[in-house]
N, C-alpha and C. Protein backbone atom coordinates (compact mmCIF):
# COMPACT_ATOMS: atom_id res chain seq x y z
N UNK A 1 -26.80 -228.13 -83.36
CA UNK A 1 -25.60 -228.17 -84.16
C UNK A 1 -25.88 -229.01 -85.40
N UNK A 2 -25.63 -228.41 -86.53
CA UNK A 2 -25.92 -229.02 -87.82
C UNK A 2 -24.66 -229.64 -88.38
N UNK A 3 -24.76 -230.89 -88.81
CA UNK A 3 -23.63 -231.57 -89.44
C UNK A 3 -23.75 -231.41 -90.94
N UNK A 4 -22.62 -231.46 -91.63
CA UNK A 4 -22.67 -231.42 -93.08
C UNK A 4 -22.02 -232.67 -93.63
N UNK A 5 -22.64 -233.18 -94.69
CA UNK A 5 -22.15 -234.38 -95.36
C UNK A 5 -21.74 -233.95 -96.75
N UNK A 6 -20.48 -234.21 -97.11
CA UNK A 6 -19.97 -233.75 -98.39
C UNK A 6 -18.84 -234.67 -98.85
N UNK A 7 -18.48 -234.52 -100.11
CA UNK A 7 -17.31 -235.19 -100.66
C UNK A 7 -16.25 -234.13 -100.89
N UNK A 8 -15.05 -234.25 -100.27
CA UNK A 8 -14.05 -233.20 -100.36
C UNK A 8 -13.58 -232.96 -101.80
N UNK A 9 -13.26 -231.72 -102.10
CA UNK A 9 -12.72 -231.37 -103.40
C UNK A 9 -11.25 -231.76 -103.46
N UNK A 10 -10.72 -231.86 -104.67
CA UNK A 10 -9.30 -232.19 -104.79
C UNK A 10 -8.46 -231.01 -104.36
N UNK A 11 -7.28 -231.30 -103.89
CA UNK A 11 -6.40 -230.24 -103.43
C UNK A 11 -5.89 -229.43 -104.62
N UNK A 12 -5.68 -228.16 -104.40
CA UNK A 12 -5.20 -227.29 -105.47
C UNK A 12 -3.71 -227.49 -105.73
N UNK A 13 -3.02 -228.16 -104.84
CA UNK A 13 -1.58 -228.34 -104.97
C UNK A 13 -1.19 -229.53 -105.84
N UNK A 14 -2.13 -230.41 -106.14
CA UNK A 14 -1.82 -231.60 -106.93
C UNK A 14 -2.86 -231.75 -108.02
N UNK A 15 -2.51 -232.47 -109.08
CA UNK A 15 -3.47 -232.69 -110.15
C UNK A 15 -4.28 -233.97 -109.94
N UNK A 16 -3.86 -234.81 -109.01
CA UNK A 16 -4.55 -236.07 -108.76
C UNK A 16 -5.82 -235.86 -107.95
N UNK A 17 -6.62 -236.91 -107.85
CA UNK A 17 -7.89 -236.84 -107.13
C UNK A 17 -7.90 -237.76 -105.91
N UNK A 18 -6.76 -237.90 -105.25
CA UNK A 18 -6.69 -238.73 -104.06
C UNK A 18 -7.51 -238.10 -102.93
N UNK A 19 -8.08 -238.91 -102.10
CA UNK A 19 -8.87 -238.50 -100.92
C UNK A 19 -10.12 -237.70 -101.30
N UNK A 20 -10.67 -237.93 -102.49
CA UNK A 20 -11.88 -237.23 -102.88
C UNK A 20 -13.05 -238.18 -103.10
N UNK A 21 -12.86 -239.47 -102.89
CA UNK A 21 -13.93 -240.43 -103.16
C UNK A 21 -14.79 -240.72 -101.93
N UNK A 22 -14.24 -240.56 -100.75
CA UNK A 22 -14.99 -240.85 -99.52
C UNK A 22 -15.88 -239.66 -99.15
N UNK A 23 -17.02 -239.96 -98.55
CA UNK A 23 -17.93 -238.92 -98.07
C UNK A 23 -17.56 -238.61 -96.62
N UNK A 24 -17.65 -237.34 -96.24
CA UNK A 24 -17.24 -236.88 -94.92
C UNK A 24 -18.43 -236.29 -94.18
N UNK A 25 -18.55 -236.65 -92.91
CA UNK A 25 -19.54 -236.04 -92.02
C UNK A 25 -18.77 -235.26 -90.99
N UNK A 26 -18.99 -233.94 -90.93
CA UNK A 26 -18.34 -233.13 -89.91
C UNK A 26 -19.35 -232.15 -89.33
N UNK A 27 -19.13 -231.78 -88.10
CA UNK A 27 -20.04 -230.90 -87.38
C UNK A 27 -19.67 -229.45 -87.59
N UNK A 28 -20.68 -228.61 -87.68
CA UNK A 28 -20.45 -227.17 -87.76
C UNK A 28 -20.11 -226.62 -86.40
N UNK A 29 -19.58 -225.41 -86.35
CA UNK A 29 -19.21 -224.83 -85.05
C UNK A 29 -20.45 -224.51 -84.21
N UNK A 30 -20.42 -224.93 -82.95
CA UNK A 30 -21.54 -224.67 -82.05
C UNK A 30 -21.39 -223.31 -81.37
N UNK A 31 -20.15 -222.83 -81.27
CA UNK A 31 -19.92 -221.53 -80.65
C UNK A 31 -18.75 -220.86 -81.37
N UNK A 32 -18.63 -219.56 -81.18
CA UNK A 32 -17.56 -218.80 -81.82
C UNK A 32 -16.22 -219.12 -81.17
N UNK A 33 -15.18 -219.02 -81.96
CA UNK A 33 -13.83 -219.22 -81.43
C UNK A 33 -13.38 -217.95 -80.71
N UNK A 34 -12.64 -218.13 -79.63
CA UNK A 34 -12.18 -217.00 -78.85
C UNK A 34 -10.65 -217.06 -78.72
N UNK A 35 -10.00 -215.91 -78.62
CA UNK A 35 -8.54 -215.94 -78.44
C UNK A 35 -8.16 -216.36 -77.03
N UNK A 36 -7.13 -217.17 -76.94
CA UNK A 36 -6.60 -217.59 -75.64
C UNK A 36 -5.94 -216.38 -74.97
N UNK A 37 -6.24 -216.08 -73.71
CA UNK A 37 -5.68 -214.88 -73.09
C UNK A 37 -4.16 -214.93 -72.92
N UNK A 38 -3.59 -216.11 -72.77
CA UNK A 38 -2.15 -216.20 -72.54
C UNK A 38 -1.35 -216.15 -73.83
N UNK A 39 -1.69 -217.00 -74.81
CA UNK A 39 -0.90 -217.10 -76.03
C UNK A 39 -1.51 -216.36 -77.22
N UNK A 40 -2.82 -216.11 -77.16
CA UNK A 40 -3.46 -215.43 -78.28
C UNK A 40 -3.95 -216.37 -79.37
N UNK A 41 -3.79 -217.68 -79.20
CA UNK A 41 -4.27 -218.63 -80.18
C UNK A 41 -5.78 -218.70 -80.11
N UNK A 42 -6.41 -219.03 -81.22
CA UNK A 42 -7.87 -219.16 -81.20
C UNK A 42 -8.22 -220.52 -80.60
N UNK A 43 -9.25 -220.52 -79.75
CA UNK A 43 -9.66 -221.76 -79.10
C UNK A 43 -11.18 -221.83 -79.07
N UNK A 44 -11.66 -223.02 -78.79
CA UNK A 44 -13.09 -223.26 -78.73
C UNK A 44 -13.37 -224.34 -77.70
N UNK A 45 -14.52 -224.27 -77.08
CA UNK A 45 -14.91 -225.30 -76.13
C UNK A 45 -15.73 -226.39 -76.80
N UNK A 46 -15.92 -226.29 -78.09
CA UNK A 46 -16.73 -227.24 -78.85
C UNK A 46 -15.87 -228.42 -79.28
N UNK A 47 -16.07 -229.58 -78.66
CA UNK A 47 -15.27 -230.76 -78.99
C UNK A 47 -15.75 -231.45 -80.27
N UNK A 48 -17.01 -231.23 -80.67
CA UNK A 48 -17.51 -231.86 -81.89
C UNK A 48 -16.83 -231.30 -83.14
N UNK A 49 -16.22 -230.14 -83.03
CA UNK A 49 -15.51 -229.57 -84.17
C UNK A 49 -14.27 -230.38 -84.55
N UNK A 50 -13.83 -231.26 -83.68
CA UNK A 50 -12.66 -232.09 -83.95
C UNK A 50 -13.03 -233.42 -84.61
N UNK A 51 -14.32 -233.72 -84.69
CA UNK A 51 -14.76 -235.01 -85.21
C UNK A 51 -15.00 -234.89 -86.72
N UNK A 52 -14.40 -235.80 -87.46
CA UNK A 52 -14.59 -235.88 -88.91
C UNK A 52 -14.68 -237.36 -89.26
N UNK A 53 -15.87 -237.82 -89.65
CA UNK A 53 -16.10 -239.23 -89.96
C UNK A 53 -16.10 -239.43 -91.47
N UNK A 54 -15.50 -240.53 -91.93
CA UNK A 54 -15.43 -240.85 -93.36
C UNK A 54 -16.32 -242.06 -93.65
N UNK A 55 -17.03 -242.01 -94.79
CA UNK A 55 -17.90 -243.09 -95.23
C UNK A 55 -17.64 -243.36 -96.70
N UNK A 56 -17.88 -244.60 -97.12
CA UNK A 56 -17.66 -244.96 -98.52
C UNK A 56 -18.73 -244.37 -99.44
N UNK A 57 -19.95 -244.28 -98.96
CA UNK A 57 -21.04 -243.77 -99.80
C UNK A 57 -21.82 -242.70 -99.05
N UNK A 58 -22.57 -241.93 -99.82
CA UNK A 58 -23.42 -240.90 -99.23
C UNK A 58 -24.52 -241.54 -98.40
N UNK A 59 -25.05 -242.65 -98.87
CA UNK A 59 -26.13 -243.32 -98.15
C UNK A 59 -25.69 -243.79 -96.77
N UNK A 60 -24.46 -244.27 -96.64
CA UNK A 60 -23.95 -244.69 -95.33
C UNK A 60 -23.85 -243.51 -94.37
N UNK A 61 -23.40 -242.37 -94.87
CA UNK A 61 -23.27 -241.19 -94.03
C UNK A 61 -24.64 -240.69 -93.57
N UNK A 62 -25.61 -240.68 -94.47
CA UNK A 62 -26.96 -240.25 -94.13
C UNK A 62 -27.59 -241.22 -93.13
N UNK A 63 -27.40 -242.52 -93.34
CA UNK A 63 -27.95 -243.52 -92.42
C UNK A 63 -27.35 -243.37 -91.02
N UNK A 64 -26.05 -243.10 -90.93
CA UNK A 64 -25.40 -242.90 -89.63
C UNK A 64 -25.99 -241.69 -88.91
N UNK A 65 -26.14 -240.59 -89.65
CA UNK A 65 -26.67 -239.38 -89.04
C UNK A 65 -28.11 -239.59 -88.56
N UNK A 66 -28.92 -240.27 -89.36
CA UNK A 66 -30.32 -240.52 -88.97
C UNK A 66 -30.40 -241.47 -87.78
N UNK A 67 -29.54 -242.48 -87.75
CA UNK A 67 -29.54 -243.46 -86.66
C UNK A 67 -29.21 -242.80 -85.33
N UNK A 68 -28.27 -241.84 -85.35
CA UNK A 68 -27.84 -241.19 -84.12
C UNK A 68 -28.55 -239.87 -83.86
N UNK A 69 -29.55 -239.53 -84.67
CA UNK A 69 -30.34 -238.33 -84.43
C UNK A 69 -29.57 -237.03 -84.66
N UNK A 70 -28.66 -237.04 -85.61
CA UNK A 70 -27.85 -235.86 -85.90
C UNK A 70 -28.52 -235.09 -87.05
N UNK A 71 -28.89 -233.83 -86.85
CA UNK A 71 -29.42 -233.05 -87.97
C UNK A 71 -28.29 -232.77 -88.97
N UNK A 72 -28.59 -232.90 -90.26
CA UNK A 72 -27.52 -232.78 -91.26
C UNK A 72 -28.02 -232.10 -92.51
N UNK A 73 -27.07 -231.69 -93.33
CA UNK A 73 -27.34 -231.16 -94.67
C UNK A 73 -26.34 -231.81 -95.61
N UNK A 74 -26.83 -232.29 -96.77
CA UNK A 74 -25.97 -232.94 -97.75
C UNK A 74 -25.59 -231.92 -98.82
N UNK A 75 -24.29 -231.83 -99.11
CA UNK A 75 -23.77 -230.97 -100.16
C UNK A 75 -23.30 -231.86 -101.30
N UNK A 76 -23.95 -231.73 -102.44
CA UNK A 76 -23.58 -232.54 -103.60
C UNK A 76 -22.27 -232.01 -104.20
N UNK A 77 -21.41 -232.91 -104.67
CA UNK A 77 -20.14 -232.45 -105.26
C UNK A 77 -20.36 -231.85 -106.65
N UNK A 78 -19.51 -230.90 -107.00
CA UNK A 78 -19.54 -230.30 -108.32
C UNK A 78 -18.43 -230.96 -109.14
N UNK A 79 -18.82 -231.64 -110.20
CA UNK A 79 -17.84 -232.34 -111.03
C UNK A 79 -17.23 -231.37 -112.03
N UNK A 80 -15.92 -231.40 -112.14
CA UNK A 80 -15.22 -230.55 -113.10
C UNK A 80 -15.35 -231.14 -114.50
N UNK A 81 -15.48 -230.30 -115.51
CA UNK A 81 -15.58 -230.84 -116.87
C UNK A 81 -14.25 -231.46 -117.30
N UNK A 82 -14.35 -232.55 -118.03
CA UNK A 82 -13.16 -233.24 -118.51
C UNK A 82 -12.81 -232.65 -119.87
N UNK A 83 -11.61 -232.10 -119.97
CA UNK A 83 -11.13 -231.52 -121.23
C UNK A 83 -9.99 -232.41 -121.72
N UNK A 84 -10.24 -233.10 -122.81
CA UNK A 84 -9.23 -234.01 -123.34
C UNK A 84 -8.27 -233.21 -124.21
N UNK A 85 -6.99 -233.29 -123.87
CA UNK A 85 -5.96 -232.57 -124.60
C UNK A 85 -4.84 -233.54 -124.97
N UNK A 86 -4.12 -233.20 -126.00
CA UNK A 86 -2.94 -233.96 -126.38
C UNK A 86 -1.82 -232.97 -126.65
N UNK A 87 -0.61 -233.40 -126.42
CA UNK A 87 0.54 -232.53 -126.65
C UNK A 87 0.65 -232.15 -128.12
N UNK A 88 0.23 -233.04 -128.99
CA UNK A 88 0.30 -232.78 -130.43
C UNK A 88 -0.60 -231.62 -130.85
N UNK A 89 -1.62 -231.30 -130.05
CA UNK A 89 -2.50 -230.18 -130.38
C UNK A 89 -1.75 -228.85 -130.39
N UNK A 90 -0.63 -228.76 -129.69
CA UNK A 90 0.17 -227.53 -129.70
C UNK A 90 0.72 -227.23 -131.08
N UNK A 91 0.90 -228.26 -131.91
CA UNK A 91 1.52 -228.09 -133.21
C UNK A 91 0.54 -228.29 -134.36
N UNK A 92 -0.75 -228.30 -134.07
CA UNK A 92 -1.76 -228.51 -135.11
C UNK A 92 -1.78 -227.31 -136.07
N UNK A 93 -2.09 -227.57 -137.32
CA UNK A 93 -2.12 -226.49 -138.32
C UNK A 93 -3.40 -225.68 -138.25
N UNK A 94 -4.42 -226.18 -137.62
CA UNK A 94 -5.70 -225.48 -137.55
C UNK A 94 -5.91 -224.77 -136.21
N UNK A 95 -4.83 -224.35 -135.56
CA UNK A 95 -4.94 -223.61 -134.30
C UNK A 95 -5.55 -222.24 -134.53
N UNK A 96 -6.29 -221.74 -133.54
CA UNK A 96 -6.87 -220.41 -133.65
C UNK A 96 -5.81 -219.32 -133.54
N UNK A 97 -4.82 -219.56 -132.67
CA UNK A 97 -3.73 -218.62 -132.48
C UNK A 97 -2.45 -219.34 -132.89
N UNK A 98 -1.64 -218.76 -133.79
CA UNK A 98 -0.42 -219.46 -134.18
C UNK A 98 0.55 -219.62 -133.01
N UNK A 99 1.22 -220.74 -132.99
CA UNK A 99 2.16 -221.05 -131.93
C UNK A 99 3.54 -220.57 -132.36
N UNK A 100 4.12 -219.67 -131.62
CA UNK A 100 5.45 -219.18 -131.98
C UNK A 100 6.35 -219.26 -130.78
N UNK A 101 7.60 -219.39 -131.06
CA UNK A 101 8.61 -219.43 -130.02
C UNK A 101 9.79 -218.65 -130.49
C-alpha cells in the first residue's frame, strides 16, 4: 500500500487559502470498494483509508513515513499565478475592450 504526501489545494467554493499550508499523508486504497448487500452503500475492509495525518512541513511527513517503513510518493503543489488587479482597471482609458453598460 502506497501512501501519498501532498499539500491540499484550496477549495473551489471559497477564495481563501485556509487549510492549504499543512502537508497531508494519506494511504491509497488497498482493495476495491464493494457495495453493501443490505443498503447498497459502498464499503471497504481497508481501515488505512480512514487515516489522514497532517504535518507542518514536507520534511516531517517524509521523515515519519521513512521511520515507520511506509512506502510513499510526494506530490509537489502547483502554485497558481498571482494576477494583481484593481477595481479602477475597469474604467481605464487604455482597455483593450471598451467597457459599456
